[in-house]
Amino acid sequence: MTAREPKIPGPEHPITIEATGVRVVARVGTHVVADTTRALTLREADYPPVQYIPLDDVDRTLLTDSATRTYCPYKGDASYYGLALTDGTRADAVWFYAEPYDAVAEIAGHVAFYTDQVDVRAGA
């Protein structure tokens, strides 16, 4: 296995992280999964902005462990949670970087949601 060499964000692949500055609520249907005023907005290259929500502001009783792992050369190793809700489980709907690379260290302790499975709204 080859060593993973972190890539540094730059002009060809910019990444910025800043405080969102407004309330962010994540819902599945009417169920509130997360509610925070401490979210971070991560903007990466041409991807849509992603809200990273402090894990402390997530209803952890809904999180289920996942064996899924992925790798991003800019952020590091990602781990996942599923969401266990009354209408079923949404596998791997939540991701996080337990030990993100230095360039994105601010997202440690935060999670993000796949917006095709969870409705995430800033300014909610």
N, C-alpha and C. Protein backbone atom coordinates (compact mmCIF):
# COMPACT_ATOMS: atom_id res chain seq x y z
N MET A 1 0.85 -1.19 0.00
CA MET A 1 0.00 0.00 0.00
C MET A 1 0.89 1.24 0.00
N THR A 2 0.57 2.19 -0.84
CA THR A 2 1.37 3.41 -0.92
C THR A 2 0.96 4.38 0.17
N ALA A 3 1.92 5.18 0.60
CA ALA A 3 1.64 6.19 1.62
C ALA A 3 0.74 7.26 1.03
N ARG A 4 -0.15 7.73 1.86
CA ARG A 4 -1.05 8.80 1.42
C ARG A 4 -0.36 10.13 1.66
N GLU A 5 -0.24 10.87 0.62
CA GLU A 5 0.41 12.17 0.70
C GLU A 5 -0.66 13.25 0.70
N PRO A 6 -0.79 14.00 1.80
CA PRO A 6 -1.81 15.06 1.82
C PRO A 6 -1.56 16.09 0.73
N LYS A 7 -2.64 16.56 0.14
CA LYS A 7 -2.56 17.66 -0.83
C LYS A 7 -2.94 18.94 -0.10
N ILE A 8 -2.26 20.01 -0.45
CA ILE A 8 -2.51 21.31 0.17
C ILE A 8 -3.45 22.11 -0.73
N PRO A 9 -4.54 22.64 -0.17
CA PRO A 9 -5.42 23.48 -0.97
C PRO A 9 -4.65 24.67 -1.54
N GLY A 10 -5.01 25.06 -2.74
CA GLY A 10 -4.35 26.19 -3.40
C GLY A 10 -5.22 26.71 -4.52
N PRO A 11 -4.66 27.51 -5.40
CA PRO A 11 -5.45 28.13 -6.48
C PRO A 11 -6.17 27.10 -7.37
N GLU A 12 -5.56 25.93 -7.59
CA GLU A 12 -6.20 24.92 -8.44
C GLU A 12 -7.31 24.17 -7.71
N HIS A 13 -7.23 24.13 -6.38
CA HIS A 13 -8.23 23.41 -5.57
C HIS A 13 -8.37 24.16 -4.24
N PRO A 14 -9.07 25.31 -4.27
CA PRO A 14 -9.20 26.09 -3.04
C PRO A 14 -10.17 25.47 -2.04
N ILE A 15 -9.86 25.62 -0.76
CA ILE A 15 -10.76 25.23 0.32
C ILE A 15 -10.75 26.37 1.34
N THR A 16 -11.94 26.84 1.68
CA THR A 16 -12.06 27.84 2.74
C THR A 16 -13.06 27.34 3.77
N ILE A 17 -12.83 27.73 5.01
CA ILE A 17 -13.72 27.38 6.11
C ILE A 17 -13.97 28.65 6.91
N GLU A 18 -15.26 28.92 7.13
CA GLU A 18 -15.59 30.08 7.96
C GLU A 18 -16.86 29.81 8.74
N ALA A 19 -17.02 30.54 9.83
CA ALA A 19 -18.24 30.42 10.62
C ALA A 19 -19.43 30.75 9.75
N THR A 20 -20.46 29.94 9.80
CA THR A 20 -21.66 30.17 9.00
C THR A 20 -22.36 31.45 9.47
N GLY A 21 -22.41 31.65 10.78
CA GLY A 21 -22.93 32.90 11.32
C GLY A 21 -24.43 32.98 11.50
N VAL A 22 -25.14 31.92 11.13
CA VAL A 22 -26.60 31.87 11.32
C VAL A 22 -26.95 30.48 11.84
N ARG A 23 -28.16 30.33 12.30
CA ARG A 23 -28.63 29.03 12.77
C ARG A 23 -28.72 28.05 11.61
N VAL A 24 -28.27 26.83 11.84
CA VAL A 24 -28.35 25.76 10.85
C VAL A 24 -29.12 24.61 11.48
N VAL A 25 -30.14 24.13 10.78
CA VAL A 25 -30.95 23.01 11.27
C VAL A 25 -30.92 21.91 10.22
N ALA A 26 -30.68 20.68 10.69
CA ALA A 26 -30.71 19.50 9.82
C ALA A 26 -31.92 18.66 10.23
N ARG A 27 -32.77 18.33 9.24
CA ARG A 27 -33.99 17.58 9.51
C ARG A 27 -34.15 16.43 8.54
N VAL A 28 -34.81 15.41 9.03
CA VAL A 28 -35.32 14.35 8.16
C VAL A 28 -36.82 14.35 8.43
N GLY A 29 -37.57 14.80 7.44
CA GLY A 29 -39.00 14.99 7.65
C GLY A 29 -39.19 16.06 8.70
N THR A 30 -39.94 15.75 9.75
CA THR A 30 -40.15 16.72 10.83
C THR A 30 -39.18 16.51 11.98
N HIS A 31 -38.35 15.48 11.90
CA HIS A 31 -37.42 15.17 12.99
C HIS A 31 -36.15 16.01 12.88
N VAL A 32 -35.85 16.77 13.92
CA VAL A 32 -34.63 17.57 13.96
C VAL A 32 -33.47 16.67 14.35
N VAL A 33 -32.49 16.58 13.46
CA VAL A 33 -31.31 15.76 13.68
C VAL A 33 -30.19 16.59 14.32
N ALA A 34 -30.11 17.88 13.93
CA ALA A 34 -29.10 18.78 14.46
C ALA A 34 -29.64 20.20 14.42
N ASP A 35 -29.20 21.00 15.40
CA ASP A 35 -29.62 22.40 15.49
C ASP A 35 -28.47 23.16 16.12
N THR A 36 -27.92 24.14 15.40
CA THR A 36 -26.74 24.83 15.89
C THR A 36 -26.66 26.27 15.41
N THR A 37 -25.94 27.06 16.15
CA THR A 37 -25.53 28.40 15.70
C THR A 37 -24.02 28.44 15.56
N ARG A 38 -23.38 27.25 15.62
CA ARG A 38 -21.92 27.17 15.58
C ARG A 38 -21.40 26.40 14.36
N ALA A 39 -22.17 26.33 13.31
CA ALA A 39 -21.75 25.60 12.11
C ALA A 39 -20.62 26.32 11.40
N LEU A 40 -19.88 25.52 10.65
CA LEU A 40 -18.84 26.04 9.77
C LEU A 40 -19.23 25.75 8.33
N THR A 41 -18.99 26.70 7.44
CA THR A 41 -19.23 26.48 6.02
C THR A 41 -17.90 26.18 5.36
N LEU A 42 -17.80 25.00 4.74
CA LEU A 42 -16.60 24.62 4.00
C LEU A 42 -16.92 24.75 2.52
N ARG A 43 -16.11 25.54 1.84
CA ARG A 43 -16.23 25.69 0.38
C ARG A 43 -14.99 25.07 -0.23
N GLU A 44 -15.22 24.14 -1.15
CA GLU A 44 -14.12 23.41 -1.77
C GLU A 44 -14.28 23.42 -3.28
N ALA A 45 -13.30 24.01 -3.93
CA ALA A 45 -13.25 24.04 -5.40
C ALA A 45 -14.63 24.40 -5.96
N ASP A 46 -15.15 23.58 -6.89
CA ASP A 46 -16.44 23.87 -7.52
C ASP A 46 -17.60 23.12 -6.88
N TYR A 47 -17.36 22.47 -5.73
CA TYR A 47 -18.43 21.73 -5.06
C TYR A 47 -19.37 22.69 -4.33
N PRO A 48 -20.61 22.26 -4.10
CA PRO A 48 -21.51 23.11 -3.30
C PRO A 48 -20.96 23.26 -1.88
N PRO A 49 -21.21 24.40 -1.23
CA PRO A 49 -20.76 24.58 0.16
C PRO A 49 -21.37 23.51 1.06
N VAL A 50 -20.61 23.11 2.09
CA VAL A 50 -21.05 22.08 3.03
C VAL A 50 -21.06 22.67 4.43
N GLN A 51 -22.16 22.40 5.16
CA GLN A 51 -22.26 22.82 6.54
C GLN A 51 -21.67 21.72 7.43
N TYR A 52 -20.67 22.07 8.20
CA TYR A 52 -20.11 21.17 9.21
C TYR A 52 -20.64 21.61 10.56
N ILE A 53 -21.36 20.71 11.22
CA ILE A 53 -22.06 21.00 12.47
C ILE A 53 -21.34 20.33 13.62
N PRO A 54 -21.13 21.06 14.74
CA PRO A 54 -20.48 20.44 15.89
C PRO A 54 -21.24 19.19 16.33
N LEU A 55 -20.51 18.12 16.60
CA LEU A 55 -21.15 16.87 17.03
C LEU A 55 -21.97 17.09 18.29
N ASP A 56 -21.56 18.02 19.13
CA ASP A 56 -22.31 18.32 20.36
C ASP A 56 -23.71 18.85 20.06
N ASP A 57 -23.95 19.35 18.85
CA ASP A 57 -25.25 19.92 18.49
C ASP A 57 -26.08 18.96 17.64
N VAL A 58 -25.66 17.69 17.60
CA VAL A 58 -26.36 16.64 16.86
C VAL A 58 -27.05 15.72 17.86
N ASP A 59 -28.25 15.24 17.53
CA ASP A 59 -28.94 14.26 18.36
C ASP A 59 -28.21 12.92 18.19
N ARG A 60 -27.25 12.67 19.07
CA ARG A 60 -26.40 11.47 18.94
C ARG A 60 -27.17 10.17 19.13
N THR A 61 -28.35 10.23 19.75
CA THR A 61 -29.12 9.00 19.92
C THR A 61 -29.56 8.43 18.57
N LEU A 62 -29.52 9.25 17.53
CA LEU A 62 -29.93 8.80 16.20
C LEU A 62 -28.78 8.20 15.38
N LEU A 63 -27.55 8.41 15.82
CA LEU A 63 -26.38 7.98 15.05
C LEU A 63 -26.10 6.49 15.24
N THR A 64 -25.84 5.82 14.14
CA THR A 64 -25.45 4.41 14.18
C THR A 64 -24.08 4.27 13.54
N ASP A 65 -23.25 3.44 14.13
CA ASP A 65 -21.90 3.25 13.60
C ASP A 65 -21.93 2.65 12.20
N SER A 66 -20.92 2.98 11.43
CA SER A 66 -20.78 2.45 10.07
C SER A 66 -19.34 2.00 9.88
N ALA A 67 -19.16 0.97 9.12
CA ALA A 67 -17.82 0.49 8.79
C ALA A 67 -17.25 1.22 7.57
N THR A 68 -18.06 2.06 6.95
CA THR A 68 -17.62 2.76 5.74
C THR A 68 -16.51 3.76 6.06
N ARG A 69 -15.48 3.76 5.22
CA ARG A 69 -14.38 4.71 5.33
C ARG A 69 -14.03 5.16 3.92
N THR A 70 -13.74 6.44 3.77
CA THR A 70 -13.27 6.96 2.50
C THR A 70 -12.07 7.85 2.77
N TYR A 71 -11.44 8.28 1.70
CA TYR A 71 -10.26 9.12 1.83
C TYR A 71 -10.34 10.31 0.89
N CYS A 72 -10.00 11.47 1.41
CA CYS A 72 -9.89 12.69 0.61
C CYS A 72 -8.46 13.19 0.75
N PRO A 73 -7.75 13.38 -0.34
CA PRO A 73 -6.35 13.82 -0.23
C PRO A 73 -6.20 15.23 0.36
N TYR A 74 -7.29 15.99 0.42
CA TYR A 74 -7.24 17.34 0.99
C TYR A 74 -7.68 17.39 2.45
N LYS A 75 -8.54 16.43 2.86
CA LYS A 75 -9.08 16.47 4.21
C LYS A 75 -8.65 15.29 5.08
N GLY A 76 -8.36 14.14 4.48
CA GLY A 76 -7.93 12.98 5.25
C GLY A 76 -8.93 11.84 5.19
N ASP A 77 -8.89 11.00 6.21
CA ASP A 77 -9.76 9.82 6.29
C ASP A 77 -11.12 10.20 6.86
N ALA A 78 -12.17 9.85 6.13
CA ALA A 78 -13.53 10.13 6.57
C ALA A 78 -14.16 8.86 7.11
N SER A 79 -14.94 9.03 8.18
CA SER A 79 -15.75 7.96 8.75
C SER A 79 -17.21 8.37 8.63
N TYR A 80 -18.10 7.42 8.85
CA TYR A 80 -19.52 7.66 8.60
C TYR A 80 -20.39 7.16 9.74
N TYR A 81 -21.57 7.76 9.82
CA TYR A 81 -22.65 7.30 10.69
C TYR A 81 -23.87 7.11 9.81
N GLY A 82 -24.74 6.21 10.24
CA GLY A 82 -26.08 6.13 9.70
C GLY A 82 -27.00 6.89 10.63
N LEU A 83 -28.23 7.11 10.20
CA LEU A 83 -29.26 7.72 11.03
C LEU A 83 -30.38 6.71 11.24
N ALA A 84 -30.67 6.39 12.49
CA ALA A 84 -31.75 5.47 12.83
C ALA A 84 -32.97 6.29 13.20
N LEU A 85 -33.97 6.26 12.33
CA LEU A 85 -35.19 7.03 12.54
C LEU A 85 -36.39 6.10 12.58
N THR A 86 -37.51 6.60 13.03
CA THR A 86 -38.69 5.75 13.17
C THR A 86 -39.14 5.17 11.84
N ASP A 87 -38.84 5.86 10.73
CA ASP A 87 -39.25 5.35 9.41
C ASP A 87 -38.14 4.56 8.72
N GLY A 88 -37.08 4.22 9.47
CA GLY A 88 -36.01 3.41 8.89
C GLY A 88 -34.65 4.07 9.08
N THR A 89 -33.64 3.36 8.62
CA THR A 89 -32.27 3.83 8.76
C THR A 89 -31.79 4.42 7.45
N ARG A 90 -31.05 5.48 7.55
CA ARG A 90 -30.38 6.07 6.39
C ARG A 90 -28.90 5.79 6.56
N ALA A 91 -28.42 4.81 5.81
CA ALA A 91 -27.03 4.37 5.93
C ALA A 91 -26.08 5.45 5.43
N ASP A 92 -25.02 5.65 6.17
CA ASP A 92 -23.94 6.55 5.76
C ASP A 92 -24.43 7.94 5.36
N ALA A 93 -25.40 8.47 6.08
CA ALA A 93 -25.95 9.79 5.78
C ALA A 93 -25.09 10.92 6.35
N VAL A 94 -24.18 10.56 7.25
CA VAL A 94 -23.38 11.54 7.99
C VAL A 94 -21.92 11.18 7.83
N TRP A 95 -21.06 12.17 7.59
CA TRP A 95 -19.63 11.89 7.55
C TRP A 95 -18.87 12.87 8.41
N PHE A 96 -17.67 12.44 8.80
CA PHE A 96 -16.81 13.30 9.62
C PHE A 96 -15.36 12.89 9.44
N TYR A 97 -14.49 13.81 9.79
CA TYR A 97 -13.04 13.58 9.76
C TYR A 97 -12.55 13.66 11.20
N ALA A 98 -12.27 12.52 11.80
CA ALA A 98 -11.83 12.49 13.21
C ALA A 98 -10.50 13.21 13.38
N GLU A 99 -9.61 13.05 12.41
CA GLU A 99 -8.30 13.70 12.45
C GLU A 99 -8.02 14.33 11.09
N PRO A 100 -8.69 15.44 10.80
CA PRO A 100 -8.50 16.06 9.48
C PRO A 100 -7.09 16.60 9.32
N TYR A 101 -6.68 16.74 8.08
CA TYR A 101 -5.37 17.33 7.80
C TYR A 101 -5.33 18.77 8.33
N ASP A 102 -4.12 19.25 8.56
CA ASP A 102 -3.92 20.58 9.15
C ASP A 102 -4.64 21.69 8.40
N ALA A 103 -4.69 21.61 7.08
CA ALA A 103 -5.29 22.67 6.27
C ALA A 103 -6.78 22.86 6.57
N VAL A 104 -7.43 21.82 7.12
CA VAL A 104 -8.86 21.88 7.42
C VAL A 104 -9.13 21.46 8.87
N ALA A 105 -8.17 21.70 9.73
CA ALA A 105 -8.24 21.24 11.12
C ALA A 105 -9.51 21.72 11.84
N GLU A 106 -10.07 22.84 11.42
CA GLU A 106 -11.26 23.39 12.10
C GLU A 106 -12.46 22.45 12.06
N ILE A 107 -12.52 21.53 11.09
CA ILE A 107 -13.70 20.66 11.00
C ILE A 107 -13.63 19.46 11.95
N ALA A 108 -12.54 19.30 12.69
CA ALA A 108 -12.48 18.24 13.70
C ALA A 108 -13.61 18.47 14.69
N GLY A 109 -14.27 17.39 15.11
CA GLY A 109 -15.38 17.51 16.05
C GLY A 109 -16.69 17.94 15.42
N HIS A 110 -16.72 18.01 14.09
CA HIS A 110 -17.91 18.39 13.34
C HIS A 110 -18.34 17.26 12.41
N VAL A 111 -19.61 17.25 12.04
CA VAL A 111 -20.13 16.28 11.08
C VAL A 111 -20.83 17.03 9.96
N ALA A 112 -20.97 16.35 8.83
CA ALA A 112 -21.71 16.89 7.69
C ALA A 112 -22.73 15.84 7.25
N PHE A 113 -23.75 16.31 6.55
CA PHE A 113 -24.85 15.44 6.13
C PHE A 113 -24.99 15.44 4.62
N TYR A 114 -25.29 14.27 4.06
CA TYR A 114 -25.62 14.20 2.64
C TYR A 114 -26.99 14.83 2.45
N THR A 115 -27.03 15.88 1.66
CA THR A 115 -28.27 16.65 1.52
C THR A 115 -29.34 15.95 0.69
N ASP A 116 -29.01 14.81 0.08
CA ASP A 116 -30.06 14.03 -0.58
C ASP A 116 -30.78 13.14 0.43
N GLN A 117 -30.27 13.07 1.67
CA GLN A 117 -30.88 12.27 2.72
C GLN A 117 -31.36 13.10 3.91
N VAL A 118 -30.74 14.26 4.09
CA VAL A 118 -31.05 15.13 5.23
C VAL A 118 -31.21 16.54 4.69
N ASP A 119 -32.26 17.22 5.13
CA ASP A 119 -32.51 18.61 4.73
C ASP A 119 -31.72 19.52 5.66
N VAL A 120 -30.68 20.17 5.14
CA VAL A 120 -29.83 21.05 5.93
C VAL A 120 -30.09 22.48 5.47
N ARG A 121 -30.52 23.32 6.42
CA ARG A 121 -30.86 24.71 6.07
C ARG A 121 -30.15 25.70 6.96
N ALA A 122 -29.45 26.62 6.33
CA ALA A 122 -28.82 27.73 7.04
C ALA A 122 -29.81 28.88 7.10
N GLY A 123 -29.85 29.56 8.24
CA GLY A 123 -30.80 30.65 8.43
C GLY A 123 -32.18 30.15 8.79
N ALA A 124 -32.23 28.91 9.29
CA ALA A 124 -33.51 28.26 9.62
C ALA A 124 -34.15 28.89 10.84
